[in-house]
Amino acid sequence: MSNKLILGLPKGSLQEATYSMMAKAGFKVKSGSRSYIPSIDDPDIDVRLIRAQEISRYVELGTLDAGITGYDWIMENGSDVTEVAELIYAKQGLRPVRWVLAVPEDSDIQSVKDLQGKRIATEAIGLTAKYLSDNNIEAEVEFSWGATEVKAPELVDAIVELTETGSSLRANNLRIVETVLESTTRLIANNASFEDSWKKQKIEQIGMLLKGALLAENTVLLKLNCNSGQVKDVTRILPSLHAPTVSSLTDDWVAIETVVDEPTVREIIPKLKQAGAEGIIELPLNKVIP
């Protein structure tokens, strides 16, 4: 029997971003009519599409060998799993997300200390209860099935909600009081699966390729030519992951290649041109493996 890795991917808000990252890492995942079991172009992997809130529990139980989920849900579930890689991406971009305490704009609540005896709605019951306990506050915490932002002030005094930009909270006339937890996406593994040499190697391979894909998100490859006498002036301008690659050409010319952060390109290309660079080419990257 051939080896097989059961991998859980998040269904819902993280699904599209995760599929995109997997594609850049070299794995094409497609959801068909049976959305619970997507297809993947790696015969060694079986994919299960499960809500991020549940993935760490199934990884801990061994139903899944590995999974991609948020650090927040690992903590919420108290899951005993192996964290293989931190993958900093979210629904709307390459940034951490936050669980925040939010209240109506005109609320008297200014800090966690003002929550004593109050009612709080949230999807993250465990995180919120720990947050209150750590601050020696007793308050009523109720599970929210959705639309949490609209429940204050009529139904509850405050909410603990997940946010990337805070725009949804502001649209509902809520202000952030404190951050309860900052979270990033993680690749996790079942402890027993990670002790299996084949599965460990496969999971670590996925982690390396995903991290490489994320590192490439904001980087590009610059290629250019210059006269050998101008190499020092040109390379002094170039920031790079490592030292630029310089290759000799004919007639005392050289070719230079380097990986740079995309936001800096518009600043350095004019400087490179002034320093004598020619034939400057900017190429997108799928993966950068340090």
C-alpha atoms as a PDB file:
ATOM      1  CA  MET A   1       0.000   0.000   0.000  1.00  0.00           C
ATOM      2  CA  SER A   2       1.366   3.410  -0.952  1.00  0.00           C
ATOM      3  CA  ASN A   3       1.847   6.143   1.622  1.00  0.00           C
ATOM      4  CA  LYS A   4      -0.872   8.766   1.841  1.00  0.00           C
ATOM      5  CA  LEU A   5      -1.068  12.045   3.740  1.00  0.00           C
ATOM      6  CA  ILE A   6      -4.482  13.363   4.800  1.00  0.00           C
ATOM      7  CA  LEU A   7      -4.327  17.175   4.710  1.00  0.00           C
ATOM      8  CA  GLY A   8      -7.035  19.489   6.034  1.00  0.00           C
ATOM      9  CA  LEU A   9      -7.524  22.823   4.286  1.00  0.00           C
ATOM     10  CA  PRO A  10      -9.764  25.593   5.663  1.00  0.00           C
ATOM     11  CA  LYS A  11     -13.239  25.993   4.212  1.00  0.00           C
ATOM     12  CA  GLY A  12     -14.699  29.484   4.295  1.00  0.00           C
ATOM     13  CA  SER A  13     -12.925  32.837   4.518  1.00  0.00           C
ATOM     14  CA  LEU A  14      -9.401  31.408   4.210  1.00  0.00           C
ATOM     15  CA  GLN A  15     -10.241  28.973   1.417  1.00  0.00           C
ATOM     16  CA  GLU A  16      -9.496  31.151  -1.614  1.00  0.00           C
ATOM     17  CA  ALA A  17      -6.253  32.533  -0.153  1.00  0.00           C
ATOM     18  CA  THR A  18      -5.133  29.021   0.805  1.00  0.00           C
ATOM     19  CA  TYR A  19      -5.864  27.604  -2.657  1.00  0.00           C
ATOM     20  CA  SER A  20      -3.830  30.457  -4.137  1.00  0.00           C
ATOM     21  CA  MET A  21      -0.891  29.792  -1.817  1.00  0.00           C
ATOM     22  CA  MET A  22      -1.042  26.061  -2.509  1.00  0.00           C
ATOM     23  CA  ALA A  23      -0.965  26.763  -6.265  1.00  0.00           C
ATOM     24  CA  LYS A  24       2.108  28.958  -5.928  1.00  0.00           C
ATOM     25  CA  ALA A  25       3.713  26.272  -3.799  1.00  0.00           C
ATOM     26  CA  GLY A  26       3.134  23.830  -6.674  1.00  0.00           C
ATOM     27  CA  PHE A  27      -0.059  22.057  -5.586  1.00  0.00           C
ATOM     28  CA  LYS A  28      -3.200  22.545  -7.668  1.00  0.00           C
ATOM     29  CA  VAL A  29      -6.288  22.073  -5.500  1.00  0.00           C
ATOM     30  CA  LYS A  30      -9.765  22.087  -7.022  1.00  0.00           C
ATOM     31  CA  SER A  31     -13.167  21.731  -5.384  1.00  0.00           C
ATOM     32  CA  GLY A  32     -15.689  19.674  -7.318  1.00  0.00           C
ATOM     33  CA  SER A  33     -19.260  18.759  -6.522  1.00  0.00           C
ATOM     34  CA  ARG A  34     -18.067  16.967  -3.391  1.00  0.00           C
ATOM     35  CA  SER A  35     -16.659  20.075  -1.789  1.00  0.00           C
ATOM     36  CA  TYR A  36     -15.602  18.167   1.337  1.00  0.00           C
ATOM     37  CA  ILE A  37     -13.014  16.233  -0.708  1.00  0.00           C
ATOM     38  CA  PRO A  38     -11.246  18.479  -3.231  1.00  0.00           C
ATOM     39  CA  SER A  39      -8.845  17.081  -5.796  1.00  0.00           C
ATOM     40  CA  ILE A  40      -5.091  17.740  -5.704  1.00  0.00           C
ATOM     41  CA  ASP A  41      -2.453  16.974  -8.300  1.00  0.00           C
ATOM     42  CA  ASP A  42      -0.241  15.080  -5.835  1.00  0.00           C
ATOM     43  CA  PRO A  43      -1.037  11.343  -5.596  1.00  0.00           C
ATOM     44  CA  ASP A  44       0.513  11.202  -2.112  1.00  0.00           C
ATOM     45  CA  ILE A  45      -1.986  13.679  -0.626  1.00  0.00           C
ATOM     46  CA  ASP A  46      -5.711  13.431   0.086  1.00  0.00           C
ATOM     47  CA  VAL A  47      -7.363  16.759   0.902  1.00  0.00           C
ATOM     48  CA  ARG A  48     -10.295  17.364   3.233  1.00  0.00           C
ATOM     49  CA  LEU A  49     -12.025  20.752   3.240  1.00  0.00           C
ATOM     50  CA  ILE A  50     -13.066  21.603   6.795  1.00  0.00           C
ATOM     51  CA  ARG A  51     -13.861  24.811   8.635  1.00  0.00           C
ATOM     52  CA  ALA A  52     -10.749  26.342  10.177  1.00  0.00           C
ATOM     53  CA  GLN A  53     -12.426  26.255  13.599  1.00  0.00           C
ATOM     54  CA  GLU A  54     -12.413  22.442  13.549  1.00  0.00           C
ATOM     55  CA  ILE A  55      -9.155  21.519  11.828  1.00  0.00           C
ATOM     56  CA  SER A  56      -6.899  21.488  14.900  1.00  0.00           C
ATOM     57  CA  ARG A  57      -9.274  19.103  16.708  1.00  0.00           C
ATOM     58  CA  TYR A  58      -9.225  16.620  13.832  1.00  0.00           C
ATOM     59  CA  VAL A  59      -5.452  16.919  13.534  1.00  0.00           C
ATOM     60  CA  GLU A  60      -5.094  16.209  17.259  1.00  0.00           C
ATOM     61  CA  LEU A  61      -7.381  13.186  16.952  1.00  0.00           C
ATOM     62  CA  GLY A  62      -5.407  11.850  13.963  1.00  0.00           C
ATOM     63  CA  THR A  63      -8.328  12.000  11.541  1.00  0.00           C
ATOM     64  CA  LEU A  64      -6.093  14.438   9.668  1.00  0.00           C
ATOM     65  CA  ASP A  65      -2.323  14.000   9.481  1.00  0.00           C
ATOM     66  CA  ALA A  66      -1.827  17.724   8.971  1.00  0.00           C
ATOM     67  CA  GLY A  67      -3.837  20.868   8.409  1.00  0.00           C
ATOM     68  CA  ILE A  68      -3.758  24.594   7.792  1.00  0.00           C
ATOM     69  CA  THR A  69      -5.620  26.699  10.330  1.00  0.00           C
ATOM     70  CA  GLY A  70      -5.293  29.774  12.491  1.00  0.00           C
ATOM     71  CA  TYR A  71      -3.268  29.952  15.673  1.00  0.00           C
ATOM     72  CA  ASP A  72      -6.420  31.361  17.280  1.00  0.00           C
ATOM     73  CA  TRP A  73      -8.374  28.152  16.678  1.00  0.00           C
ATOM     74  CA  ILE A  74      -5.523  26.000  17.956  1.00  0.00           C
ATOM     75  CA  MET A  75      -5.651  28.009  21.177  1.00  0.00           C
ATOM     76  CA  GLU A  76      -9.457  28.080  21.267  1.00  0.00           C
ATOM     77  CA  ASN A  77      -9.598  24.282  21.027  1.00  0.00           C
ATOM     78  CA  GLY A  78      -6.601  23.719  23.286  1.00  0.00           C
ATOM     79  CA  SER A  79      -5.261  21.294  20.687  1.00  0.00           C
ATOM     80  CA  ASP A  80      -2.104  19.283  21.354  1.00  0.00           C
ATOM     81  CA  VAL A  81      -0.515  19.346  17.895  1.00  0.00           C
ATOM     82  CA  THR A  82       2.896  19.973  16.325  1.00  0.00           C
ATOM     83  CA  GLU A  83       3.291  23.409  14.734  1.00  0.00           C
ATOM     84  CA  VAL A  84       5.346  22.951  11.568  1.00  0.00           C
ATOM     85  CA  ALA A  85       5.309  26.409   9.960  1.00  0.00           C
ATOM     86  CA  GLU A  86       3.914  29.894  10.485  1.00  0.00           C
ATOM     87  CA  LEU A  87       2.277  31.172   7.299  1.00  0.00           C
ATOM     88  CA  ILE A  88       1.470  34.872   7.527  1.00  0.00           C
ATOM     89  CA  TYR A  89      -1.498  35.364   5.240  1.00  0.00           C
ATOM     90  CA  ALA A  90      -5.196  35.996   5.753  1.00  0.00           C
ATOM     91  CA  LYS A  91      -8.392  36.523   3.775  1.00  0.00           C
ATOM     92  CA  GLN A  92      -7.494  40.034   2.648  1.00  0.00           C
ATOM     93  CA  GLY A  93      -3.712  40.075   2.611  1.00  0.00           C
ATOM     94  CA  LEU A  94      -0.355  39.088   4.044  1.00  0.00           C
ATOM     95  CA  ARG A  95      -0.893  40.196   7.610  1.00  0.00           C
ATOM     96  CA  PRO A  96      -1.815  38.762  11.012  1.00  0.00           C
ATOM     97  CA  VAL A  97      -5.427  38.984  12.168  1.00  0.00           C
ATOM     98  CA  ARG A  98      -6.621  40.079  15.598  1.00  0.00           C
ATOM     99  CA  TRP A  99      -9.337  39.079  18.006  1.00  0.00           C
ATOM    100  CA  VAL A 100     -10.348  42.358  19.599  1.00  0.00           C
ATOM    101  CA  LEU A 101     -12.618  43.572  22.345  1.00  0.00           C
ATOM    102  CA  ALA A 102     -14.999  46.084  20.747  1.00  0.00           C
ATOM    103  CA  VAL A 103     -17.811  48.209  22.136  1.00  0.00           C
ATOM    104  CA  PRO A 104     -20.228  50.822  20.806  1.00  0.00           C
ATOM    105  CA  GLU A 105     -18.627  54.224  20.181  1.00  0.00           C
ATOM    106  CA  ASP A 106     -20.545  55.822  23.068  1.00  0.00           C
ATOM    107  CA  SER A 107     -19.931  52.993  25.551  1.00  0.00           C
ATOM    108  CA  ASP A 108     -18.419  53.747  28.971  1.00  0.00           C
ATOM    109  CA  ILE A 109     -16.192  50.662  28.625  1.00  0.00           C
ATOM    110  CA  GLN A 110     -12.589  51.850  28.209  1.00  0.00           C
ATOM    111  CA  SER A 111     -10.631  48.730  29.206  1.00  0.00           C
ATOM    112  CA  VAL A 112     -11.043  45.087  30.147  1.00  0.00           C
ATOM    113  CA  LYS A 113     -11.459  46.200  33.768  1.00  0.00           C
ATOM    114  CA  ASP A 114     -14.814  47.753  32.846  1.00  0.00           C
ATOM    115  CA  LEU A 115     -16.230  44.372  31.768  1.00  0.00           C
ATOM    116  CA  GLN A 116     -16.995  43.215  35.301  1.00  0.00           C
ATOM    117  CA  GLY A 117     -20.554  41.828  35.316  1.00  0.00           C
ATOM    118  CA  LYS A 118     -21.091  42.649  31.642  1.00  0.00           C
ATOM    119  CA  ARG A 119     -22.339  40.419  28.810  1.00  0.00           C
ATOM    120  CA  ILE A 120     -19.999  39.627  25.869  1.00  0.00           C
ATOM    121  CA  ALA A 121     -20.824  37.904  22.578  1.00  0.00           C
ATOM    122  CA  THR A 122     -18.173  36.033  20.629  1.00  0.00           C
ATOM    123  CA  GLU A 123     -17.452  32.965  18.530  1.00  0.00           C
ATOM    124  CA  ALA A 124     -14.231  32.412  20.490  1.00  0.00           C
ATOM    125  CA  ILE A 125     -15.613  31.399  23.882  1.00  0.00           C
ATOM    126  CA  GLY A 126     -12.377  29.828  25.135  1.00  0.00           C
ATOM    127  CA  LEU A 127     -10.136  32.711  24.112  1.00  0.00           C
ATOM    128  CA  THR A 128     -12.473  35.241  25.688  1.00  0.00           C
ATOM    129  CA  ALA A 129     -12.850  33.273  28.923  1.00  0.00           C
ATOM    130  CA  LYS A 130      -9.061  33.016  29.260  1.00  0.00           C
ATOM    131  CA  TYR A 131      -8.685  36.725  28.517  1.00  0.00           C
ATOM    132  CA  LEU A 132     -11.153  37.592  31.284  1.00  0.00           C
ATOM    133  CA  SER A 133      -9.572  35.125  33.709  1.00  0.00           C
ATOM    134  CA  ASP A 134      -6.097  36.520  33.057  1.00  0.00           C
ATOM    135  CA  ASN A 135      -7.458  39.946  33.986  1.00  0.00           C
ATOM    136  CA  ASN A 136      -9.427  38.684  37.036  1.00  0.00           C
ATOM    137  CA  ILE A 137     -12.741  39.764  35.519  1.00  0.00           C
ATOM    138  CA  GLU A 138     -16.040  37.927  35.877  1.00  0.00           C
ATOM    139  CA  ALA A 139     -18.440  38.481  32.987  1.00  0.00           C
ATOM    140  CA  GLU A 140     -21.026  36.518  31.037  1.00  0.00           C
ATOM    141  CA  VAL A 141     -19.717  35.154  27.732  1.00  0.00           C
ATOM    142  CA  GLU A 142     -22.219  33.869  25.195  1.00  0.00           C
ATOM    143  CA  PHE A 143     -21.570  32.115  21.899  1.00  0.00           C
ATOM    144  CA  SER A 144     -22.420  34.135  18.804  1.00  0.00           C
ATOM    145  CA  TRP A 145     -23.679  32.284  15.749  1.00  0.00           C
ATOM    146  CA  GLY A 146     -22.825  35.165  13.454  1.00  0.00           C
ATOM    147  CA  ALA A 147     -23.458  38.865  12.800  1.00  0.00           C
ATOM    148  CA  THR A 148     -21.692  39.557  16.076  1.00  0.00           C
ATOM    149  CA  GLU A 149     -21.056  43.216  15.212  1.00  0.00           C
ATOM    150  CA  VAL A 150     -24.775  44.107  15.286  1.00  0.00           C
ATOM    151  CA  LYS A 151     -25.441  42.669  18.755  1.00  0.00           C
ATOM    152  CA  ALA A 152     -24.001  45.590  20.712  1.00  0.00           C
ATOM    153  CA  PRO A 153     -25.446  47.537  22.440  1.00  0.00           C
ATOM    154  CA  GLU A 154     -28.995  46.111  22.321  1.00  0.00           C
ATOM    155  CA  LEU A 155     -28.181  42.463  23.112  1.00  0.00           C
ATOM    156  CA  VAL A 156     -24.737  42.593  24.712  1.00  0.00           C
ATOM    157  CA  ASP A 157     -22.394  45.154  26.239  1.00  0.00           C
ATOM    158  CA  ALA A 158     -19.336  44.182  24.201  1.00  0.00           C
ATOM    159  CA  ILE A 159     -18.097  41.732  21.614  1.00  0.00           C
ATOM    160  CA  VAL A 160     -14.843  39.886  20.958  1.00  0.00           C
ATOM    161  CA  GLU A 161     -14.499  39.632  17.197  1.00  0.00           C
ATOM    162  CA  LEU A 162     -11.946  38.731  14.543  1.00  0.00           C
ATOM    163  CA  THR A 163     -10.700  41.588  12.368  1.00  0.00           C
ATOM    164  CA  GLU A 164      -8.035  42.275   9.759  1.00  0.00           C
ATOM    165  CA  THR A 165      -8.558  45.969   9.069  1.00  0.00           C
ATOM    166  CA  GLY A 166     -11.242  47.033  11.549  1.00  0.00           C
ATOM    167  CA  SER A 167     -13.431  48.361   8.725  1.00  0.00           C
ATOM    168  CA  SER A 168     -16.438  46.158   9.564  1.00  0.00           C
ATOM    169  CA  LEU A 169     -16.309  47.245  13.188  1.00  0.00           C
ATOM    170  CA  ARG A 170     -16.163  50.915  12.235  1.00  0.00           C
ATOM    171  CA  ALA A 171     -19.065  50.432   9.810  1.00  0.00           C
ATOM    172  CA  ASN A 172     -21.133  49.198  12.737  1.00  0.00           C
ATOM    173  CA  ASN A 173     -20.118  52.149  14.950  1.00  0.00           C
ATOM    174  CA  LEU A 174     -17.889  50.040  17.154  1.00  0.00           C
ATOM    175  CA  ARG A 175     -14.490  50.972  18.536  1.00  0.00           C
ATOM    176  CA  ILE A 176     -11.676  48.638  19.494  1.00  0.00           C
ATOM    177  CA  VAL A 177     -10.802  48.684  23.182  1.00  0.00           C
ATOM    178  CA  GLU A 178      -8.033  46.088  23.371  1.00  0.00           C
ATOM    179  CA  THR A 179      -6.494  43.229  21.413  1.00  0.00           C
ATOM    180  CA  VAL A 180      -7.310  39.838  22.915  1.00  0.00           C
ATOM    181  CA  LEU A 181      -5.066  37.771  20.628  1.00  0.00           C
ATOM    182  CA  GLU A 182      -3.043  38.247  17.455  1.00  0.00           C
ATOM    183  CA  SER A 183      -3.157  35.251  15.152  1.00  0.00           C
ATOM    184  CA  THR A 184      -1.448  33.944  12.033  1.00  0.00           C
ATOM    185  CA  THR A 185      -2.092  30.920   9.864  1.00  0.00           C
ATOM    186  CA  ARG A 186      -0.187  27.759  10.819  1.00  0.00           C
ATOM    187  CA  LEU A 187       0.630  24.420   9.230  1.00  0.00           C
ATOM    188  CA  ILE A 188       0.145  21.855  11.974  1.00  0.00           C
ATOM    189  CA  ALA A 189       0.644  18.108  12.231  1.00  0.00           C
ATOM    190  CA  ASN A 190      -0.692  15.267  14.305  1.00  0.00           C
ATOM    191  CA  ASN A 191       1.980  14.336  16.842  1.00  0.00           C
ATOM    192  CA  ALA A 192       2.032  10.652  15.882  1.00  0.00           C
ATOM    193  CA  SER A 193       1.984  11.430  12.150  1.00  0.00           C
ATOM    194  CA  PHE A 194       4.966  13.727  12.613  1.00  0.00           C
ATOM    195  CA  GLU A 195       6.918  10.862  14.137  1.00  0.00           C
ATOM    196  CA  ASP A 196       6.384   8.816  10.960  1.00  0.00           C
ATOM    197  CA  SER A 197       9.460   9.526   8.810  1.00  0.00           C
ATOM    198  CA  TRP A 198       7.620   9.572   5.466  1.00  0.00           C
ATOM    199  CA  LYS A 199       4.762  11.759   6.694  1.00  0.00           C
ATOM    200  CA  LYS A 200       7.148  14.113   8.490  1.00  0.00           C
ATOM    201  CA  GLN A 201       9.184  14.590   5.330  1.00  0.00           C
ATOM    202  CA  LYS A 202       6.045  15.202   3.278  1.00  0.00           C
ATOM    203  CA  ILE A 203       4.608  17.694   5.758  1.00  0.00           C
ATOM    204  CA  GLU A 204       7.910  19.560   6.029  1.00  0.00           C
ATOM    205  CA  GLN A 205       8.109  19.673   2.231  1.00  0.00           C
ATOM    206  CA  ILE A 206       4.656  21.276   2.071  1.00  0.00           C
ATOM    207  CA  GLY A 207       5.694  23.766   4.765  1.00  0.00           C
ATOM    208  CA  MET A 208       8.902  24.714   2.966  1.00  0.00           C
ATOM    209  CA  LEU A 209       7.121  25.249  -0.360  1.00  0.00           C
ATOM    210  CA  LEU A 210       4.319  27.285   1.238  1.00  0.00           C
ATOM    211  CA  LYS A 211       6.804  29.505   3.066  1.00  0.00           C
ATOM    212  CA  GLY A 212       8.685  29.918  -0.210  1.00  0.00           C
ATOM    213  CA  ALA A 213       5.476  30.931  -1.962  1.00  0.00           C
ATOM    214  CA  LEU A 214       4.711  33.507   0.719  1.00  0.00           C
ATOM    215  CA  LEU A 215       8.225  34.909   0.608  1.00  0.00           C
ATOM    216  CA  ALA A 216       7.823  35.355  -3.152  1.00  0.00           C
ATOM    217  CA  GLU A 217       4.563  37.298  -2.780  1.00  0.00           C
ATOM    218  CA  ASN A 218       6.313  40.650  -2.436  1.00  0.00           C
ATOM    219  CA  THR A 219       9.553  39.873  -4.266  1.00  0.00           C
ATOM    220  CA  VAL A 220      10.664  39.935  -7.889  1.00  0.00           C
ATOM    221  CA  LEU A 221      13.715  38.887  -9.872  1.00  0.00           C
ATOM    222  CA  LEU A 222      15.695  41.710 -11.442  1.00  0.00           C
ATOM    223  CA  LYS A 223      18.003  40.922 -14.363  1.00  0.00           C
ATOM    224  CA  LEU A 224      20.252  43.505 -15.992  1.00  0.00           C
ATOM    225  CA  ASN A 225      23.484  44.022 -17.867  1.00  0.00           C
ATOM    226  CA  CYS A 226      26.271  46.519 -17.319  1.00  0.00           C
ATOM    227  CA  ASN A 227      29.902  47.143 -18.170  1.00  0.00           C
ATOM    228  CA  SER A 228      32.339  45.378 -15.843  1.00  0.00           C
ATOM    229  CA  GLY A 229      33.673  48.742 -14.720  1.00  0.00           C
ATOM    230  CA  GLN A 230      30.224  49.702 -13.424  1.00  0.00           C
ATOM    231  CA  VAL A 231      29.558  46.548 -11.371  1.00  0.00           C
ATOM    232  CA  LYS A 232      30.401  48.121  -8.004  1.00  0.00           C
ATOM    233  CA  ASP A 233      28.193  51.157  -8.644  1.00  0.00           C
ATOM    234  CA  VAL A 234      25.292  48.982  -9.798  1.00  0.00           C
ATOM    235  CA  THR A 235      25.472  46.304  -7.078  1.00  0.00           C
ATOM    236  CA  ARG A 236      25.734  48.980  -4.384  1.00  0.00           C
ATOM    237  CA  ILE A 237      22.191  50.028  -5.335  1.00  0.00           C
ATOM    238  CA  LEU A 238      20.777  46.510  -5.264  1.00  0.00           C
ATOM    239  CA  PRO A 239      19.279  45.133  -2.048  1.00  0.00           C
ATOM    240  CA  SER A 240      19.074  41.352  -2.240  1.00  0.00           C
ATOM    241  CA  LEU A 241      18.245  38.184  -0.362  1.00  0.00           C
ATOM    242  CA  HIS A 242      21.899  37.265  -0.735  1.00  0.00           C
ATOM    243  CA  ALA A 243      24.717  38.817  -2.791  1.00  0.00           C
ATOM    244  CA  PRO A 244      23.681  39.463  -6.409  1.00  0.00           C
ATOM    245  CA  THR A 245      24.754  36.876  -8.995  1.00  0.00           C
ATOM    246  CA  VAL A 246      27.263  38.378 -11.434  1.00  0.00           C
ATOM    247  CA  SER A 247      28.092  36.463 -14.642  1.00  0.00           C
ATOM    248  CA  SER A 248      30.648  37.422 -17.266  1.00  0.00           C
ATOM    249  CA  LEU A 249      29.468  38.134 -20.811  1.00  0.00           C
ATOM    250  CA  THR A 250      31.446  39.066 -23.913  1.00  0.00           C
ATOM    251  CA  ASP A 251      33.094  42.411 -24.667  1.00  0.00           C
ATOM    252  CA  ASP A 252      33.731  43.292 -21.005  1.00  0.00           C
ATOM    253  CA  TRP A 253      30.034  43.154 -20.052  1.00  0.00           C
ATOM    254  CA  VAL A 254      28.394  41.283 -17.183  1.00  0.00           C
ATOM    255  CA  ALA A 255      24.903  40.036 -16.369  1.00  0.00           C
ATOM    256  CA  ILE A 256      23.512  40.616 -12.869  1.00  0.00           C
ATOM    257  CA  GLU A 257      20.569  38.834 -11.212  1.00  0.00           C
ATOM    258  CA  THR A 258      19.078  39.447  -7.798  1.00  0.00           C
ATOM    259  CA  VAL A 259      15.863  39.017  -5.815  1.00  0.00           C
ATOM    260  CA  VAL A 260      14.445  42.261  -4.406  1.00  0.00           C
ATOM    261  CA  ASP A 261      11.324  43.433  -2.607  1.00  0.00           C
ATOM    262  CA  GLU A 262       8.785  44.569  -5.212  1.00  0.00           C
ATOM    263  CA  PRO A 263       7.920  47.888  -3.483  1.00  0.00           C
ATOM    264  CA  THR A 264      11.556  49.007  -3.859  1.00  0.00           C
ATOM    265  CA  VAL A 265      11.724  48.372  -7.611  1.00  0.00           C
ATOM    266  CA  ARG A 266      10.246  51.699  -8.654  1.00  0.00           C
ATOM    267  CA  GLU A 267      12.883  53.463  -6.548  1.00  0.00           C
ATOM    268  CA  ILE A 268      15.952  51.549  -7.670  1.00  0.00           C
ATOM    269  CA  ILE A 269      15.363  51.080 -11.425  1.00  0.00           C
ATOM    270  CA  PRO A 270      15.993  54.784 -12.240  1.00  0.00           C
ATOM    271  CA  LYS A 271      19.112  54.669 -10.042  1.00  0.00           C
ATOM    272  CA  LEU A 272      20.314  51.509 -11.793  1.00  0.00           C
ATOM    273  CA  LYS A 273      19.827  53.174 -15.167  1.00  0.00           C
ATOM    274  CA  GLN A 274      21.825  56.194 -14.039  1.00  0.00           C
ATOM    275  CA  ALA A 275      24.607  53.901 -12.779  1.00  0.00           C
ATOM    276  CA  GLY A 276      24.959  52.352 -16.252  1.00  0.00           C
ATOM    277  CA  ALA A 277      22.628  49.342 -16.156  1.00  0.00           C
ATOM    278  CA  GLU A 278      20.947  48.289 -19.407  1.00  0.00           C
ATOM    279  CA  GLY A 279      18.399  45.692 -20.445  1.00  0.00           C
ATOM    280  CA  ILE A 280      16.688  45.748 -17.042  1.00  0.00           C
ATOM    281  CA  ILE A 281      14.037  43.023 -16.716  1.00  0.00           C
ATOM    282  CA  GLU A 282      11.625  42.500 -13.813  1.00  0.00           C
ATOM    283  CA  LEU A 283      10.171  38.986 -13.425  1.00  0.00           C
ATOM    284  CA  PRO A 284       7.511  37.740 -10.982  1.00  0.00           C
ATOM    285  CA  LEU A 285       8.350  34.777  -8.725  1.00  0.00           C
ATOM    286  CA  ASN A 286       6.279  31.840  -7.494  1.00  0.00           C
ATOM    287  CA  LYS A 287       8.647  30.702  -4.761  1.00  0.00           C
ATOM    288  CA  VAL A 288      11.751  31.941  -2.988  1.00  0.00           C
ATOM    289  CA  ILE A 289      13.496  29.276  -0.892  1.00  0.00           C
ATOM    290  CA  PRO A 290      16.173  30.881   1.339  1.00  0.00           C
END
